[in-house]
Amino acid sequence: MSNNAAIVEISQEASKFTSSIVLQADSKYIDVKSILGLFTTLVGGHAYELHVHGPDADEAKKAMADVFAKHNLNVTIISE
């Protein structure tokens, strides 16, 4: 499957929230609201960590977990 659909959906979903949603891949940190950042980072087979901070963080974490799972992307939501 093309990652393009996943990237667009992840970015659109993230943009619904005011919280900061940052994807950590190795030593890189990417704002998931940035489609360009995702294009250069989101490659299959990686394990990612998602850091979510803000007033609607709980809702954002659940939504992001769902969309990552839908596209079979391995992500761990980090709870600070």
Foldseek 3Di string as FASTA:
>chain_A
DDCLVLLVVQLVLLVVDPKFKWKDFPNDIDGSVDSVRCVVGDDPPTEIEIEIDDDCRVVSVVSNVVSCVVVPHHYHYDDD
